[in-house]
C-alpha cells in the first residue's frame, strides 16, 4: 500500500489508507478543519494540545454516533418484532 501526502496543521505527512488516496486526503482535511475551528475558539496554541482537543472532539462525536446507532438498531429490532407479531396474529 503506497502512501499519500497530506497536510495537517502545516505538517506534511505520508499516510496510507485501505480506502485510497482521496479518502485519506478527505480525512486529513477534516482533521485539519477541526483543529482550525478549535484553534479559533480557544487560546490553545500548543500543537500537541490542539491535536488532543481535536481527538477528544472526534471521540465525543463518535461516541454520540455509536449511541444513536445502537438506539436506531434497537428501534428497528422492536419494530421488526411488532411487525412479526402483527403478521403472525393476522393469520389466525
PDB file of N, CA and C in Angstrom:
ATOM      1  N   UNK A   1       0.856  -1.172   0.000  1.00  0.00           N
ATOM      2  CA  UNK A   1       0.000   0.000   0.000  1.00  0.00           C
ATOM      3  C   UNK A   1       0.900   1.232   0.000  1.00  0.00           C
ATOM      4  N   UNK A   2       0.736   2.064  -1.004  1.00  0.00           N
ATOM      5  CA  UNK A   2       1.556   3.276  -1.067  1.00  0.00           C
ATOM      6  C   UNK A   2       0.904   4.385  -0.251  1.00  0.00           C
ATOM      7  N   UNK A   3       1.699   5.346   0.128  1.00  0.00           N
ATOM      8  CA  UNK A   3       1.197   6.438   0.926  1.00  0.00           C
ATOM      9  C   UNK A   3       0.804   7.628   0.075  1.00  0.00           C
ATOM     10  N   UNK A   4       0.017   8.496   0.684  1.00  0.00           N
ATOM     11  CA  UNK A   4      -0.383   9.743   0.036  1.00  0.00           C
ATOM     12  C   UNK A   4       0.052  10.879   0.960  1.00  0.00           C
ATOM     13  N   UNK A   5       0.539  11.956   0.373  1.00  0.00           N
ATOM     14  CA  UNK A   5       0.961  13.110   1.162  1.00  0.00           C
ATOM     15  C   UNK A   5      -0.255  13.958   1.524  1.00  0.00           C
ATOM     16  N   UNK A   6      -0.346  14.308   2.804  1.00  0.00           N
ATOM     17  CA  UNK A   6      -1.409  15.183   3.287  1.00  0.00           C
ATOM     18  C   UNK A   6      -0.776  16.244   4.175  1.00  0.00           C
ATOM     19  N   UNK A   7      -1.544  17.294   4.436  1.00  0.00           N
ATOM     20  CA  UNK A   7      -1.056  18.353   5.314  1.00  0.00           C
ATOM     21  C   UNK A   7      -2.075  18.594   6.414  1.00  0.00           C
ATOM     22  N   UNK A   8      -1.592  18.530   7.654  1.00  0.00           N
ATOM     23  CA  UNK A   8      -2.417  18.811   8.827  1.00  0.00           C
ATOM     24  C   UNK A   8      -1.622  19.740   9.719  1.00  0.00           C
ATOM     25  N   UNK A   9      -2.214  20.853  10.091  1.00  0.00           N
ATOM     26  CA  UNK A   9      -1.558  21.852  10.939  1.00  0.00           C
ATOM     27  C   UNK A   9      -0.220  22.302  10.356  1.00  0.00           C
ATOM     28  N   UNK A  10      -0.168  22.402   9.035  1.00  0.00           N
ATOM     29  CA  UNK A  10       1.065  22.842   8.385  1.00  0.00           C
ATOM     30  C   UNK A  10       2.145  21.768   8.323  1.00  0.00           C
ATOM     31  N   UNK A  11       1.825  20.573   8.808  1.00  0.00           N
ATOM     32  CA  UNK A  11       2.791  19.473   8.797  1.00  0.00           C
ATOM     33  C   UNK A  11       2.468  18.532   7.643  1.00  0.00           C
ATOM     34  N   UNK A  12       3.478  18.222   6.848  1.00  0.00           N
ATOM     35  CA  UNK A  12       3.293  17.262   5.763  1.00  0.00           C
ATOM     36  C   UNK A  12       3.488  15.859   6.308  1.00  0.00           C
ATOM     37  N   UNK A  13       2.533  15.006   6.020  1.00  0.00           N
ATOM     38  CA  UNK A  13       2.577  13.624   6.484  1.00  0.00           C
ATOM     39  C   UNK A  13       2.309  12.700   5.312  1.00  0.00           C
ATOM     40  N   UNK A  14       2.870  11.523   5.372  1.00  0.00           N
ATOM     41  CA  UNK A  14       2.547  10.495   4.399  1.00  0.00           C
ATOM     42  C   UNK A  14       1.718   9.454   5.122  1.00  0.00           C
ATOM     43  N   UNK A  15       0.506   9.231   4.631  1.00  0.00           N
ATOM     44  CA  UNK A  15      -0.396   8.269   5.261  1.00  0.00           C
ATOM     45  C   UNK A  15      -0.877   7.281   4.208  1.00  0.00           C
ATOM     46  N   UNK A  16      -1.287   6.121   4.678  1.00  0.00           N
ATOM     47  CA  UNK A  16      -1.831   5.109   3.786  1.00  0.00           C
ATOM     48  C   UNK A  16      -3.229   4.772   4.257  1.00  0.00           C
ATOM     49  N   UNK A  17      -4.079   4.439   3.312  1.00  0.00           N
ATOM     50  CA  UNK A  17      -5.454   4.085   3.641  1.00  0.00           C
ATOM     51  C   UNK A  17      -5.906   2.942   2.757  1.00  0.00           C
ATOM     52  N   UNK A  18      -6.585   1.980   3.357  1.00  0.00           N
ATOM     53  CA  UNK A  18      -7.171   0.892   2.584  1.00  0.00           C
ATOM     54  C   UNK A  18      -8.242   1.415   1.633  1.00  0.00           C
ATOM     55  N   UNK A  19      -8.761   2.612   1.928  1.00  0.00           N
ATOM     56  CA  UNK A  19      -9.839   3.187   1.123  1.00  0.00           C
ATOM     57  C   UNK A  19      -9.338   4.160   0.055  1.00  0.00           C
ATOM     58  N   UNK A  20      -8.038   4.272  -0.111  1.00  0.00           N
ATOM     59  CA  UNK A  20      -7.491   5.060  -1.210  1.00  0.00           C
ATOM     60  C   UNK A  20      -7.033   6.453  -0.823  1.00  0.00           C
ATOM     61  N   UNK A  21      -6.355   7.064  -1.765  1.00  0.00           N
ATOM     62  CA  UNK A  21      -5.749   8.380  -1.564  1.00  0.00           C
ATOM     63  C   UNK A  21      -6.781   9.463  -1.284  1.00  0.00           C
ATOM     64  N   UNK A  22      -7.854   9.461  -2.066  1.00  0.00           N
ATOM     65  CA  UNK A  22      -8.872  10.506  -1.903  1.00  0.00           C
ATOM     66  C   UNK A  22      -9.483  10.451  -0.505  1.00  0.00           C
ATOM     67  N   UNK A  23      -9.716   9.246  -0.009  1.00  0.00           N
ATOM     68  CA  UNK A  23     -10.273   9.071   1.332  1.00  0.00           C
ATOM     69  C   UNK A  23      -9.304   9.627   2.381  1.00  0.00           C
ATOM     70  N   UNK A  24      -8.026   9.293   2.255  1.00  0.00           N
ATOM     71  CA  UNK A  24      -7.008   9.781   3.193  1.00  0.00           C
ATOM     72  C   UNK A  24      -6.937  11.307   3.163  1.00  0.00           C
ATOM     73  N   UNK A  25      -7.019  11.890   1.976  1.00  0.00           N
ATOM     74  CA  UNK A  25      -6.977  13.350   1.844  1.00  0.00           C
ATOM     75  C   UNK A  25      -8.220  13.992   2.469  1.00  0.00           C
ATOM     76  N   UNK A  26      -9.368  13.347   2.293  1.00  0.00           N
ATOM     77  CA  UNK A  26     -10.604  13.857   2.890  1.00  0.00           C
ATOM     78  C   UNK A  26     -10.520  13.833   4.407  1.00  0.00           C
ATOM     79  N   UNK A  27     -10.024  12.721   4.958  1.00  0.00           N
ATOM     80  CA  UNK A  27      -9.869  12.627   6.415  1.00  0.00           C
ATOM     81  C   UNK A  27      -8.898  13.675   6.940  1.00  0.00           C
ATOM     82  N   UNK A  28      -7.781  13.848   6.247  1.00  0.00           N
ATOM     83  CA  UNK A  28      -6.794  14.839   6.671  1.00  0.00           C
ATOM     84  C   UNK A  28      -7.395  16.241   6.645  1.00  0.00           C
ATOM     85  N   UNK A  29      -8.176  16.546   5.617  1.00  0.00           N
ATOM     86  CA  UNK A  29      -8.819  17.858   5.523  1.00  0.00           C
ATOM     87  C   UNK A  29      -9.822  18.047   6.660  1.00  0.00           C
ATOM     88  N   UNK A  30     -10.533  16.978   7.022  1.00  0.00           N
ATOM     89  CA  UNK A  30     -11.493  17.046   8.121  1.00  0.00           C
ATOM     90  C   UNK A  30     -10.780  17.311   9.444  1.00  0.00           C
ATOM     91  N   UNK A  31      -9.683  16.603   9.667  1.00  0.00           N
ATOM     92  CA  UNK A  31      -8.907  16.806  10.899  1.00  0.00           C
ATOM     93  C   UNK A  31      -8.338  18.217  10.930  1.00  0.00           C
ATOM     94  N   UNK A  32      -7.779  18.655   9.826  1.00  0.00           N
ATOM     95  CA  UNK A  32      -7.185  19.991   9.772  1.00  0.00           C
ATOM     96  C   UNK A  32      -8.242  21.065  10.037  1.00  0.00           C
ATOM     97  N   UNK A  33      -9.430  20.900   9.455  1.00  0.00           N
ATOM     98  CA  UNK A  33     -10.511  21.874   9.665  1.00  0.00           C
ATOM     99  C   UNK A  33     -10.956  21.885  11.123  1.00  0.00           C
ATOM    100  N   UNK A  34     -11.066  20.726  11.733  1.00  0.00           N
ATOM    101  CA  UNK A  34     -11.474  20.667  13.145  1.00  0.00           C
ATOM    102  C   UNK A  34     -10.440  21.363  14.028  1.00  0.00           C
ATOM    103  N   UNK A  35      -9.173  21.157  13.740  1.00  0.00           N
ATOM    104  CA  UNK A  35      -8.115  21.814  14.516  1.00  0.00           C
ATOM    105  C   UNK A  35      -8.179  23.328  14.318  1.00  0.00           C
ATOM    106  N   UNK A  36      -8.448  23.770  13.100  1.00  0.00           N
ATOM    107  CA  UNK A  36      -8.583  25.218  12.845  1.00  0.00           C
ATOM    108  C   UNK A  36      -9.733  25.811  13.664  1.00  0.00           C
ATOM    109  N   UNK A  37     -10.856  25.096  13.720  1.00  0.00           N
ATOM    110  CA  UNK A  37     -12.010  25.570  14.498  1.00  0.00           C
ATOM    111  C   UNK A  37     -11.675  25.639  15.987  1.00  0.00           C
ATOM    112  N   UNK A  38     -10.991  24.629  16.479  1.00  0.00           N
ATOM    113  CA  UNK A  38     -10.599  24.620  17.896  1.00  0.00           C
ATOM    114  C   UNK A  38      -9.624  25.748  18.174  1.00  0.00           C
ATOM    115  N   UNK A  39      -8.664  25.918  17.275  1.00  0.00           N
ATOM    116  CA  UNK A  39      -7.665  26.988  17.443  1.00  0.00           C
ATOM    117  C   UNK A  39      -8.359  28.359  17.476  1.00  0.00           C
ATOM    118  N   UNK A  40      -9.368  28.547  16.630  1.00  0.00           N
ATOM    119  CA  UNK A  40     -10.070  29.828  16.552  1.00  0.00           C
ATOM    120  C   UNK A  40     -10.930  30.081  17.779  1.00  0.00           C
ATOM    121  N   UNK A  41     -11.392  29.014  18.426  1.00  0.00           N
ATOM    122  CA  UNK A  41     -12.307  29.188  19.556  1.00  0.00           C
ATOM    123  C   UNK A  41     -11.637  28.998  20.913  1.00  0.00           C
ATOM    124  N   UNK A  42     -10.331  28.796  20.934  1.00  0.00           N
ATOM    125  CA  UNK A  42      -9.649  28.636  22.216  1.00  0.00           C
ATOM    126  C   UNK A  42      -8.348  29.425  22.204  1.00  0.00           C
ATOM    127  N   UNK A  43      -7.746  29.471  23.365  1.00  0.00           N
ATOM    128  CA  UNK A  43      -6.476  30.188  23.462  1.00  0.00           C
ATOM    129  C   UNK A  43      -5.294  29.231  23.361  1.00  0.00           C
ATOM    130  N   UNK A  44      -5.580  27.981  23.084  1.00  0.00           N
ATOM    131  CA  UNK A  44      -4.530  26.974  22.974  1.00  0.00           C
ATOM    132  C   UNK A  44      -3.740  27.192  21.691  1.00  0.00           C
ATOM    133  N   UNK A  45      -2.436  27.277  21.818  1.00  0.00           N
ATOM    134  CA  UNK A  45      -1.585  27.406  20.637  1.00  0.00           C
ATOM    135  C   UNK A  45      -0.625  26.230  20.521  1.00  0.00           C
ATOM    136  N   UNK A  46      -0.513  25.452  21.571  1.00  0.00           N
ATOM    137  CA  UNK A  46       0.364  24.298  21.579  1.00  0.00           C
ATOM    138  C   UNK A  46      -0.189  23.237  20.633  1.00  0.00           C
ATOM    139  N   UNK A  47       0.620  22.813  19.682  1.00  0.00           N
ATOM    140  CA  UNK A  47       0.174  21.855  18.670  1.00  0.00           C
ATOM    141  C   UNK A  47      -0.292  20.539  19.273  1.00  0.00           C
ATOM    142  N   UNK A  48       0.399  20.063  20.286  1.00  0.00           N
ATOM    143  CA  UNK A  48       0.008  18.801  20.916  1.00  0.00           C
ATOM    144  C   UNK A  48      -1.352  18.951  21.583  1.00  0.00           C
ATOM    145  N   UNK A  49      -1.552  20.060  22.287  1.00  0.00           N
ATOM    146  CA  UNK A  49      -2.844  20.289  22.936  1.00  0.00           C
ATOM    147  C   UNK A  49      -3.969  20.416  21.906  1.00  0.00           C
ATOM    148  N   UNK A  50      -3.694  21.087  20.795  1.00  0.00           N
ATOM    149  CA  UNK A  50      -4.700  21.197  19.734  1.00  0.00           C
ATOM    150  C   UNK A  50      -5.045  19.819  19.175  1.00  0.00           C
ATOM    151  N   UNK A  51      -4.040  18.996  18.978  1.00  0.00           N
ATOM    152  CA  UNK A  51      -4.276  17.651  18.465  1.00  0.00           C
ATOM    153  C   UNK A  51      -5.079  16.822  19.467  1.00  0.00           C
ATOM    154  N   UNK A  52      -4.772  16.956  20.756  1.00  0.00           N
ATOM    155  CA  UNK A  52      -5.508  16.221  21.792  1.00  0.00           C
ATOM    156  C   UNK A  52      -6.949  16.706  21.848  1.00  0.00           C
ATOM    157  N   UNK A  53      -7.158  18.011  21.785  1.00  0.00           N
ATOM    158  CA  UNK A  53      -8.521  18.547  21.798  1.00  0.00           C
ATOM    159  C   UNK A  53      -9.310  18.074  20.574  1.00  0.00           C
ATOM    160  N   UNK A  54      -8.654  18.030  19.424  1.00  0.00           N
ATOM    161  CA  UNK A  54      -9.323  17.530  18.218  1.00  0.00           C
ATOM    162  C   UNK A  54      -9.680  16.056  18.388  1.00  0.00           C
ATOM    163  N   UNK A  55      -8.765  15.275  18.948  1.00  0.00           N
ATOM    164  CA  UNK A  55      -9.033  13.850  19.182  1.00  0.00           C
ATOM    165  C   UNK A  55     -10.210  13.682  20.141  1.00  0.00           C
ATOM    166  N   UNK A  56     -10.261  14.476  21.207  1.00  0.00           N
ATOM    167  CA  UNK A  56     -11.384  14.415  22.148  1.00  0.00           C
ATOM    168  C   UNK A  56     -12.685  14.805  21.452  1.00  0.00           C
ATOM    169  N   UNK A  57     -12.611  15.815  20.603  1.00  0.00           N
ATOM    170  CA  UNK A  57     -13.763  16.266  19.834  1.00  0.00           C
ATOM    171  C   UNK A  57     -14.308  15.150  18.959  1.00  0.00           C
ATOM    172  N   UNK A  58     -13.410  14.475  18.235  1.00  0.00           N
ATOM    173  CA  UNK A  58     -13.822  13.369  17.373  1.00  0.00           C
ATOM    174  C   UNK A  58     -14.329  12.188  18.196  1.00  0.00           C
ATOM    175  N   UNK A  59     -13.688  11.917  19.339  1.00  0.00           N
ATOM    176  CA  UNK A  59     -14.128  10.812  20.191  1.00  0.00           C
ATOM    177  C   UNK A  59     -15.531  11.079  20.727  1.00  0.00           C
ATOM    178  N   UNK A  60     -15.810  12.321  21.099  1.00  0.00           N
ATOM    179  CA  UNK A  60     -17.138  12.700  21.577  1.00  0.00           C
ATOM    180  C   UNK A  60     -18.176  12.490  20.471  1.00  0.00           C
ATOM    181  N   UNK A  61     -17.852  12.959  19.289  1.00  0.00           N
ATOM    182  CA  UNK A  61     -18.760  12.805  18.148  1.00  0.00           C
ATOM    183  C   UNK A  61     -18.985  11.322  17.832  1.00  0.00           C
ATOM    184  N   UNK A  62     -17.917  10.539  17.841  1.00  0.00           N
ATOM    185  CA  UNK A  62     -18.023   9.112  17.554  1.00  0.00           C
ATOM    186  C   UNK A  62     -18.890   8.404  18.588  1.00  0.00           C
ATOM    187  N   UNK A  63     -18.699   8.714  19.872  1.00  0.00           N
ATOM    188  CA  UNK A  63     -19.485   8.060  20.916  1.00  0.00           C
ATOM    189  C   UNK A  63     -20.968   8.414  20.791  1.00  0.00           C
ATOM    190  N   UNK A  64     -21.272   9.670  20.488  1.00  0.00           N
ATOM    191  CA  UNK A  64     -22.672  10.061  20.273  1.00  0.00           C
ATOM    192  C   UNK A  64     -23.265   9.298  19.082  1.00  0.00           C
ATOM    193  N   UNK A  65     -22.495   9.178  18.005  1.00  0.00           N
ATOM    194  CA  UNK A  65     -22.974   8.444  16.830  1.00  0.00           C
ATOM    195  C   UNK A  65     -23.165   6.965  17.147  1.00  0.00           C
ATOM    196  N   UNK A  66     -22.255   6.380  17.919  1.00  0.00           N
ATOM    197  CA  UNK A  66     -22.397   4.966  18.302  1.00  0.00           C
ATOM    198  C   UNK A  66     -23.673   4.753  19.110  1.00  0.00           C
ATOM    199  N   UNK A  67     -23.911   5.645  20.061  1.00  0.00           N
ATOM    200  CA  UNK A  67     -25.119   5.515  20.881  1.00  0.00           C
ATOM    201  C   UNK A  67     -26.376   5.686  20.043  1.00  0.00           C
ATOM    202  N   UNK A  68     -26.370   6.651  19.145  1.00  0.00           N
ATOM    203  CA  UNK A  68     -27.516   6.879  18.272  1.00  0.00           C
ATOM    204  C   UNK A  68     -27.728   5.665  17.360  1.00  0.00           C
ATOM    205  N   UNK A  69     -26.655   5.123  16.852  1.00  0.00           N
ATOM    206  CA  UNK A  69     -26.724   3.932  16.007  1.00  0.00           C
ATOM    207  C   UNK A  69     -27.337   2.768  16.782  1.00  0.00           C
ATOM    208  N   UNK A  70     -26.907   2.558  18.017  1.00  0.00           N
ATOM    209  CA  UNK A  70     -27.442   1.489  18.850  1.00  0.00           C
ATOM    210  C   UNK A  70     -28.937   1.714  19.088  1.00  0.00           C
ATOM    211  N   UNK A  71     -29.334   2.952  19.376  1.00  0.00           N
ATOM    212  CA  UNK A  71     -30.750   3.269  19.584  1.00  0.00           C
ATOM    213  C   UNK A  71     -31.565   2.968  18.322  1.00  0.00           C
ATOM    214  N   UNK A  72     -31.031   3.327  17.173  1.00  0.00           N
ATOM    215  CA  UNK A  72     -31.726   3.050  15.908  1.00  0.00           C
ATOM    216  C   UNK A  72     -31.863   1.546  15.674  1.00  0.00           C
ATOM    217  N   UNK A  73     -30.785   0.807  15.939  1.00  0.00           N
ATOM    218  CA  UNK A  73     -30.855  -0.647  15.776  1.00  0.00           C
ATOM    219  C   UNK A  73     -31.874  -1.261  16.735  1.00  0.00           C
ATOM    220  N   UNK A  74     -31.896  -0.784  17.972  1.00  0.00           N
ATOM    221  CA  UNK A  74     -32.875  -1.276  18.942  1.00  0.00           C
ATOM    222  C   UNK A  74     -34.296  -0.958  18.484  1.00  0.00           C
ATOM    223  N   UNK A  75     -34.497   0.231  17.953  1.00  0.00           N
ATOM    224  CA  UNK A  75     -35.816   0.645  17.469  1.00  0.00           C
ATOM    225  C   UNK A  75     -36.251  -0.228  16.284  1.00  0.00           C
ATOM    226  N   UNK A  76     -35.319  -0.465  15.360  1.00  0.00           N
ATOM    227  CA  UNK A  76     -35.622  -1.322  14.209  1.00  0.00           C
ATOM    228  C   UNK A  76     -35.967  -2.730  14.676  1.00  0.00           C
ATOM    229  N   UNK A  77     -35.218  -3.234  15.641  1.00  0.00           N
ATOM    230  CA  UNK A  77     -35.493  -4.569  16.172  1.00  0.00           C
ATOM    231  C   UNK A  77     -36.875  -4.625  16.816  1.00  0.00           C
ATOM    232  N   UNK A  78     -37.231  -3.587  17.558  1.00  0.00           N
ATOM    233  CA  UNK A  78     -38.542  -3.509  18.188  1.00  0.00           C
ATOM    234  C   UNK A  78     -39.657  -3.467  17.135  1.00  0.00           C
ATOM    235  N   UNK A  79     -39.468  -2.642  16.110  1.00  0.00           N
ATOM    236  CA  UNK A  79     -40.453  -2.571  15.032  1.00  0.00           C
ATOM    237  C   UNK A  79     -40.583  -3.907  14.308  1.00  0.00           C
ATOM    238  N   UNK A  80     -39.464  -4.568  14.111  1.00  0.00           N
ATOM    239  CA  UNK A  80     -39.467  -5.865  13.447  1.00  0.00           C
ATOM    240  C   UNK A  80     -40.247  -6.897  14.267  1.00  0.00           C
ATOM    241  N   UNK A  81     -40.048  -6.893  15.592  1.00  0.00           N
ATOM    242  CA  UNK A  81     -40.800  -7.811  16.461  1.00  0.00           C
ATOM    243  C   UNK A  81     -42.294  -7.517  16.386  1.00  0.00           C
ATOM    244  N   UNK A  82     -42.652  -6.221  16.448  1.00  0.00           N
ATOM    245  CA  UNK A  82     -44.068  -5.841  16.382  1.00  0.00           C
ATOM    246  C   UNK A  82     -44.686  -6.249  15.045  1.00  0.00           C
ATOM    247  N   UNK A  83     -43.943  -6.043  13.971  1.00  0.00           N
ATOM    248  CA  UNK A  83     -44.433  -6.415  12.646  1.00  0.00           C
ATOM    249  C   UNK A  83     -44.605  -7.928  12.548  1.00  0.00           C
ATOM    250  N   UNK A  84     -43.639  -8.667  13.058  1.00  0.00           N
ATOM    251  CA  UNK A  84     -43.739 -10.136  13.043  1.00  0.00           C
ATOM    252  C   UNK A  84     -44.931 -10.612  13.839  1.00  0.00           C
ATOM    253  N   UNK A  85     -45.161  -9.971  14.991  1.00  0.00           N
ATOM    254  CA  UNK A  85     -46.332 -10.341  15.803  1.00  0.00           C
ATOM    255  C   UNK A  85     -47.636 -10.009  15.077  1.00  0.00           C
ATOM    256  N   UNK A  86     -47.681  -8.841  14.430  1.00  0.00           N
ATOM    257  CA  UNK A  86     -48.869  -8.417  13.706  1.00  0.00           C
ATOM    258  C   UNK A  86     -49.154  -9.374  12.543  1.00  0.00           C
ATOM    259  N   UNK A  87     -48.119  -9.762  11.843  1.00  0.00           N
ATOM    260  CA  UNK A  87     -48.279 -10.692  10.729  1.00  0.00           C
ATOM    261  C   UNK A  87     -48.713 -12.055  11.248  1.00  0.00           C
ATOM    262  N   UNK A  88     -48.116 -12.484  12.364  1.00  0.00           N
ATOM    263  CA  UNK A  88     -48.468 -13.763  12.961  1.00  0.00           C
ATOM    264  C   UNK A  88     -49.902 -13.797  13.463  1.00  0.00           C
ATOM    265  N   UNK A  89     -50.358 -12.692  14.049  1.00  0.00           N
ATOM    266  CA  UNK A  89     -51.716 -12.615  14.575  1.00  0.00           C
ATOM    267  C   UNK A  89     -52.775 -12.496  13.480  1.00  0.00           C
ATOM    268  N   UNK A  90     -52.395 -11.918  12.338  1.00  0.00           N
ATOM    269  CA  UNK A  90     -53.384 -11.741  11.274  1.00  0.00           C
ATOM    270  C   UNK A  90     -53.683 -13.048  10.552  1.00  0.00           C
ATOM    271  N   UNK A  91     -52.833 -14.043  10.721  1.00  0.00           N
ATOM    272  CA  UNK A  91     -53.036 -15.307  10.051  1.00  0.00           C
ATOM    273  C   UNK A  91     -53.962 -16.248  10.803  1.00  0.00           C
ATOM    274  N   UNK A  92     -54.336 -15.876  12.020  1.00  0.00           N
ATOM    275  CA  UNK A  92     -55.179 -16.774  12.831  1.00  0.00           C
ATOM    276  C   UNK A  92     -56.627 -16.491  12.646  1.00  0.00           C
TER     277      UNK A  92
END
